[in-house]
């Protein structure tokens, strides 16, 4: 019998196998942050998403940015740019949202 991992490990595995669920998870995490401003919660959700998509090393390869820069961003207790962006958008009665850059369903349909 397989030993149960913790909830975060389960989430990472589940999101790694379902790109649409991963995008939805990140969107929900962002929406919660925009409502309550809980930056540590948002960063934890962002870390879970990044891990589910291959981790910091994969992100570093895709962007040619040193992994240390991403680690600093993901684990920093302060993210003034994100907080400032949230404040500015709230003042302008706007919000951010997450969506995939391509429609994965359309890609699947054209592959058939």
N, C-alpha and C. Protein backbone atom coordinates (compact mmCIF):
# COMPACT_ATOMS: atom_id res chain seq x y z
N UNK A 1 0.84 -1.19 0.00
CA UNK A 1 0.00 0.00 0.00
C UNK A 1 0.89 1.25 0.00
N UNK A 2 0.56 2.21 -0.84
CA UNK A 2 1.33 3.44 -0.96
C UNK A 2 1.05 4.35 0.22
N UNK A 3 2.12 4.89 0.77
CA UNK A 3 1.97 5.81 1.90
C UNK A 3 1.48 7.16 1.37
N UNK A 4 0.54 7.75 2.06
CA UNK A 4 -0.02 9.03 1.64
C UNK A 4 1.00 10.14 1.87
N UNK A 5 1.18 10.99 0.86
CA UNK A 5 2.02 12.17 1.00
C UNK A 5 1.19 13.30 1.58
N UNK A 6 1.79 14.45 1.67
CA UNK A 6 1.03 15.58 2.20
C UNK A 6 0.17 16.21 1.10
N UNK A 7 -0.67 17.12 1.48
CA UNK A 7 -1.63 17.73 0.57
C UNK A 7 -0.92 18.45 -0.58
N UNK A 8 0.14 19.17 -0.29
CA UNK A 8 0.86 19.91 -1.33
C UNK A 8 1.44 18.95 -2.37
N UNK A 9 2.01 17.86 -1.93
CA UNK A 9 2.55 16.87 -2.86
C UNK A 9 1.44 16.30 -3.75
N UNK A 10 0.29 16.04 -3.16
CA UNK A 10 -0.85 15.56 -3.93
C UNK A 10 -1.26 16.59 -4.98
N UNK A 11 -1.33 17.86 -4.57
CA UNK A 11 -1.71 18.93 -5.49
C UNK A 11 -0.72 19.03 -6.65
N UNK A 12 0.56 18.97 -6.35
CA UNK A 12 1.59 19.07 -7.39
C UNK A 12 1.41 17.95 -8.40
N UNK A 13 1.22 16.75 -7.91
CA UNK A 13 1.04 15.60 -8.80
C UNK A 13 -0.23 15.74 -9.65
N UNK A 14 -1.31 16.15 -9.01
CA UNK A 14 -2.58 16.31 -9.72
C UNK A 14 -2.48 17.39 -10.79
N UNK A 15 -1.87 18.51 -10.44
CA UNK A 15 -1.77 19.62 -11.38
C UNK A 15 -0.78 19.32 -12.52
N UNK A 16 0.22 18.51 -12.23
CA UNK A 16 1.19 18.14 -13.26
C UNK A 16 0.52 17.31 -14.36
N UNK A 17 -0.53 16.60 -14.01
CA UNK A 17 -1.21 15.73 -14.96
C UNK A 17 -2.43 16.36 -15.61
N UNK A 18 -2.74 17.61 -15.26
CA UNK A 18 -3.94 18.26 -15.80
C UNK A 18 -3.66 19.76 -15.95
N UNK A 19 -3.21 20.15 -17.13
CA UNK A 19 -2.81 21.54 -17.38
C UNK A 19 -3.97 22.52 -17.12
N UNK A 20 -5.17 22.16 -17.53
CA UNK A 20 -6.33 23.03 -17.32
C UNK A 20 -6.59 23.24 -15.82
N UNK A 21 -6.49 22.17 -15.05
CA UNK A 21 -6.66 22.29 -13.60
C UNK A 21 -5.55 23.14 -13.00
N UNK A 22 -4.35 23.05 -13.54
CA UNK A 22 -3.23 23.86 -13.04
C UNK A 22 -3.49 25.34 -13.29
N UNK A 23 -3.97 25.67 -14.47
CA UNK A 23 -4.29 27.07 -14.79
C UNK A 23 -5.42 27.56 -13.87
N UNK A 24 -6.45 26.75 -13.69
CA UNK A 24 -7.56 27.11 -12.80
C UNK A 24 -7.06 27.34 -11.37
N UNK A 25 -6.16 26.47 -10.92
CA UNK A 25 -5.59 26.59 -9.57
C UNK A 25 -4.85 27.92 -9.42
N UNK A 26 -4.03 28.26 -10.41
CA UNK A 26 -3.29 29.52 -10.35
C UNK A 26 -4.23 30.71 -10.40
N UNK A 27 -5.27 30.63 -11.22
CA UNK A 27 -6.25 31.71 -11.29
C UNK A 27 -6.95 31.91 -9.94
N UNK A 28 -7.37 30.81 -9.33
CA UNK A 28 -8.02 30.89 -8.03
C UNK A 28 -7.09 31.48 -6.97
N UNK A 29 -5.83 31.06 -7.00
CA UNK A 29 -4.85 31.59 -6.06
C UNK A 29 -4.69 33.10 -6.24
N UNK A 30 -4.63 33.53 -7.49
CA UNK A 30 -4.52 34.97 -7.77
C UNK A 30 -5.76 35.72 -7.33
N UNK A 31 -6.94 35.18 -7.61
CA UNK A 31 -8.19 35.83 -7.19
C UNK A 31 -8.24 35.99 -5.67
N UNK A 32 -7.86 34.94 -4.95
CA UNK A 32 -7.84 35.03 -3.48
C UNK A 32 -6.89 36.12 -3.01
N UNK A 33 -5.71 36.20 -3.65
CA UNK A 33 -4.75 37.23 -3.28
C UNK A 33 -5.32 38.62 -3.53
N UNK A 34 -5.97 38.80 -4.67
CA UNK A 34 -6.52 40.11 -5.00
C UNK A 34 -7.63 40.51 -4.05
N UNK A 35 -8.34 39.53 -3.48
CA UNK A 35 -9.40 39.82 -2.53
C UNK A 35 -8.84 40.16 -1.15
N UNK A 36 -7.95 39.29 -0.64
CA UNK A 36 -7.52 39.47 0.75
C UNK A 36 -6.09 39.95 0.93
N UNK A 37 -5.30 39.99 -0.14
CA UNK A 37 -3.94 40.51 -0.04
C UNK A 37 -2.98 39.62 0.73
N UNK A 38 -3.33 38.35 0.89
CA UNK A 38 -2.48 37.42 1.64
C UNK A 38 -1.33 36.95 0.75
N UNK A 39 -0.24 37.71 0.76
CA UNK A 39 0.90 37.43 -0.11
C UNK A 39 1.54 36.08 0.18
N UNK A 40 1.77 35.68 1.43
CA UNK A 40 2.35 34.35 1.67
C UNK A 40 1.50 33.22 1.07
N UNK A 41 0.18 33.32 1.16
CA UNK A 41 -0.69 32.31 0.57
C UNK A 41 -0.54 32.28 -0.95
N UNK A 42 -0.51 33.46 -1.56
CA UNK A 42 -0.34 33.54 -3.01
C UNK A 42 0.99 32.92 -3.44
N UNK A 43 2.06 33.27 -2.74
CA UNK A 43 3.37 32.74 -3.11
C UNK A 43 3.43 31.22 -2.93
N UNK A 44 2.76 30.69 -1.91
CA UNK A 44 2.71 29.25 -1.72
C UNK A 44 1.97 28.59 -2.89
N UNK A 45 0.87 29.19 -3.32
CA UNK A 45 0.14 28.68 -4.47
C UNK A 45 0.96 28.77 -5.75
N UNK A 46 1.69 29.87 -5.91
CA UNK A 46 2.55 30.03 -7.08
C UNK A 46 3.66 28.98 -7.08
N UNK A 47 4.24 28.71 -5.90
CA UNK A 47 5.28 27.67 -5.79
C UNK A 47 4.71 26.30 -6.17
N UNK A 48 3.50 26.01 -5.71
CA UNK A 48 2.86 24.74 -6.04
C UNK A 48 2.66 24.63 -7.54
N UNK A 49 2.19 25.69 -8.16
CA UNK A 49 1.99 25.70 -9.61
C UNK A 49 3.31 25.49 -10.34
N UNK A 50 4.34 26.23 -9.95
CA UNK A 50 5.66 26.11 -10.60
C UNK A 50 6.18 24.69 -10.47
N UNK A 51 6.07 24.11 -9.28
CA UNK A 51 6.54 22.73 -9.08
C UNK A 51 5.77 21.75 -9.96
N UNK A 52 4.48 21.98 -10.12
CA UNK A 52 3.67 21.07 -10.93
C UNK A 52 4.02 21.16 -12.41
N UNK A 53 4.63 22.24 -12.81
CA UNK A 53 4.97 22.45 -14.21
C UNK A 53 6.46 22.20 -14.49
N UNK A 54 7.13 21.51 -13.59
CA UNK A 54 8.52 21.14 -13.83
C UNK A 54 9.50 21.76 -12.86
N UNK A 55 9.05 22.68 -12.05
CA UNK A 55 9.90 23.27 -11.03
C UNK A 55 10.72 24.46 -11.52
N UNK A 56 11.47 25.00 -10.59
CA UNK A 56 12.28 26.19 -10.86
C UNK A 56 13.34 25.90 -11.91
N UNK A 57 13.93 24.71 -11.89
CA UNK A 57 14.97 24.40 -12.87
C UNK A 57 14.40 24.42 -14.29
N UNK A 58 13.20 23.88 -14.48
CA UNK A 58 12.57 23.90 -15.80
C UNK A 58 12.23 25.33 -16.20
N UNK A 59 11.71 26.12 -15.28
CA UNK A 59 11.39 27.52 -15.54
C UNK A 59 12.65 28.29 -15.92
N UNK A 60 13.73 27.99 -15.24
CA UNK A 60 15.01 28.63 -15.53
C UNK A 60 15.49 28.29 -16.95
N UNK A 61 15.35 27.03 -17.34
CA UNK A 61 15.74 26.62 -18.70
C UNK A 61 14.91 27.33 -19.75
N UNK A 62 13.62 27.45 -19.51
CA UNK A 62 12.71 28.06 -20.49
C UNK A 62 12.98 29.55 -20.66
N UNK A 63 13.50 30.20 -19.63
CA UNK A 63 13.64 31.65 -19.65
C UNK A 63 15.08 32.15 -19.72
N UNK A 64 16.04 31.25 -19.51
CA UNK A 64 17.45 31.64 -19.41
C UNK A 64 17.69 32.63 -18.27
N UNK A 65 16.92 32.48 -17.21
CA UNK A 65 17.09 33.29 -16.00
C UNK A 65 17.57 32.36 -14.91
N UNK A 66 18.54 32.82 -14.14
CA UNK A 66 19.14 31.99 -13.09
C UNK A 66 18.07 31.53 -12.11
N UNK A 67 18.13 30.25 -11.70
CA UNK A 67 17.14 29.72 -10.76
C UNK A 67 17.09 30.52 -9.45
N UNK A 68 18.21 31.08 -9.05
CA UNK A 68 18.25 31.84 -7.79
C UNK A 68 17.29 33.02 -7.82
N UNK A 69 17.11 33.62 -9.00
CA UNK A 69 16.21 34.77 -9.11
C UNK A 69 14.77 34.33 -8.86
N UNK A 70 14.38 33.19 -9.45
CA UNK A 70 13.03 32.67 -9.21
C UNK A 70 12.85 32.24 -7.76
N UNK A 71 13.86 31.62 -7.20
CA UNK A 71 13.77 31.18 -5.79
C UNK A 71 13.59 32.38 -4.87
N UNK A 72 14.32 33.45 -5.13
CA UNK A 72 14.19 34.66 -4.32
C UNK A 72 12.77 35.22 -4.41
N UNK A 73 12.23 35.23 -5.61
CA UNK A 73 10.88 35.75 -5.81
C UNK A 73 9.85 34.87 -5.11
N UNK A 74 9.98 33.55 -5.25
CA UNK A 74 8.99 32.63 -4.71
C UNK A 74 9.04 32.49 -3.20
N UNK A 75 10.20 32.72 -2.60
CA UNK A 75 10.33 32.51 -1.17
C UNK A 75 10.52 33.80 -0.38
N UNK A 76 10.51 34.93 -1.05
CA UNK A 76 10.66 36.21 -0.37
C UNK A 76 9.38 36.54 0.41
N UNK A 77 9.55 37.09 1.57
CA UNK A 77 8.39 37.51 2.35
C UNK A 77 7.87 38.86 1.84
N UNK A 78 8.67 39.52 1.05
CA UNK A 78 8.28 40.82 0.51
C UNK A 78 8.23 40.75 -1.00
N UNK A 79 7.15 41.19 -1.56
CA UNK A 79 7.03 41.30 -3.01
C UNK A 79 6.38 42.65 -3.30
N UNK A 80 7.13 43.72 -3.09
CA UNK A 80 6.52 45.05 -3.20
C UNK A 80 5.95 45.34 -4.58
N UNK A 81 6.55 44.82 -5.63
CA UNK A 81 6.02 45.10 -6.97
C UNK A 81 4.63 44.50 -7.12
N UNK A 82 4.44 43.28 -6.65
CA UNK A 82 3.14 42.64 -6.74
C UNK A 82 2.11 43.39 -5.89
N UNK A 83 2.49 43.76 -4.68
CA UNK A 83 1.57 44.51 -3.83
C UNK A 83 1.24 45.86 -4.44
N UNK A 84 2.23 46.53 -5.03
CA UNK A 84 1.98 47.84 -5.65
C UNK A 84 1.07 47.68 -6.87
N UNK A 85 1.29 46.64 -7.66
CA UNK A 85 0.43 46.39 -8.81
C UNK A 85 -1.01 46.14 -8.36
N UNK A 86 -1.17 45.35 -7.30
CA UNK A 86 -2.52 45.07 -6.76
C UNK A 86 -3.19 46.37 -6.33
N UNK A 87 -2.47 47.21 -5.60
CA UNK A 87 -3.02 48.47 -5.12
C UNK A 87 -3.42 49.37 -6.29
N UNK A 88 -2.54 49.47 -7.27
CA UNK A 88 -2.81 50.31 -8.43
C UNK A 88 -4.02 49.80 -9.21
N UNK A 89 -4.09 48.50 -9.45
CA UNK A 89 -5.22 47.95 -10.19
C UNK A 89 -6.53 48.10 -9.43
N UNK A 90 -6.48 47.90 -8.11
CA UNK A 90 -7.69 48.09 -7.31
C UNK A 90 -8.18 49.53 -7.42
N UNK A 91 -7.26 50.47 -7.38
CA UNK A 91 -7.64 51.89 -7.48
C UNK A 91 -8.26 52.19 -8.84
N UNK A 92 -7.84 51.46 -9.86
CA UNK A 92 -8.37 51.66 -11.21
C UNK A 92 -9.56 50.75 -11.50
N UNK A 93 -10.01 50.03 -10.46
CA UNK A 93 -11.13 49.10 -10.57
C UNK A 93 -10.87 48.05 -11.66
N UNK A 94 -9.65 47.52 -11.66
CA UNK A 94 -9.24 46.48 -12.60
C UNK A 94 -8.67 45.31 -11.81
N UNK A 95 -8.50 44.18 -12.50
CA UNK A 95 -7.90 43.02 -11.85
C UNK A 95 -7.11 42.21 -12.85
N UNK A 96 -6.22 41.40 -12.34
CA UNK A 96 -5.46 40.47 -13.16
C UNK A 96 -6.21 39.16 -13.26
N UNK A 97 -5.92 38.39 -14.29
CA UNK A 97 -6.43 37.03 -14.36
C UNK A 97 -5.43 36.18 -15.12
N UNK A 98 -5.54 34.88 -14.93
CA UNK A 98 -4.64 33.93 -15.56
C UNK A 98 -5.43 33.12 -16.58
N UNK A 99 -4.86 32.96 -17.75
CA UNK A 99 -5.43 32.07 -18.76
C UNK A 99 -4.28 31.51 -19.58
N UNK A 100 -4.46 30.34 -20.14
CA UNK A 100 -3.39 29.77 -20.96
C UNK A 100 -3.16 30.64 -22.20
N UNK A 101 -1.92 30.65 -22.67
CA UNK A 101 -1.59 31.44 -23.85
C UNK A 101 -2.21 30.84 -25.11
N UNK A 102 -2.45 29.53 -25.12
CA UNK A 102 -3.10 28.88 -26.24
C UNK A 102 -4.26 28.07 -25.71
N UNK A 103 -5.23 27.87 -26.53
CA UNK A 103 -6.37 27.06 -26.14
C UNK A 103 -6.00 25.60 -26.33
N UNK A 104 -5.76 24.88 -25.25
CA UNK A 104 -5.31 23.49 -25.34
C UNK A 104 -6.34 22.60 -25.98
N UNK A 105 -7.62 22.91 -25.82
CA UNK A 105 -8.66 22.11 -26.46
C UNK A 105 -8.57 22.23 -27.98
N UNK A 106 -8.33 23.44 -28.49
CA UNK A 106 -8.22 23.63 -29.93
C UNK A 106 -7.01 22.88 -30.47
N UNK A 107 -5.92 22.86 -29.72
CA UNK A 107 -4.73 22.12 -30.14
C UNK A 107 -5.02 20.63 -30.21
N UNK A 108 -5.79 20.12 -29.27
CA UNK A 108 -6.13 18.71 -29.27
C UNK A 108 -7.05 18.37 -30.43
N UNK A 109 -7.98 19.23 -30.74
CA UNK A 109 -8.92 18.98 -31.84
C UNK A 109 -8.20 18.97 -33.18
N UNK A 110 -7.22 19.84 -33.38
CA UNK A 110 -6.51 19.87 -34.67
C UNK A 110 -5.55 18.70 -34.80
N UNK A 111 -5.19 18.08 -33.68
CA UNK A 111 -4.28 16.92 -33.72
C UNK A 111 -5.00 15.67 -34.18
N UNK A 112 -6.33 15.64 -34.06
CA UNK A 112 -7.11 14.45 -34.45
C UNK A 112 -7.17 14.26 -35.94
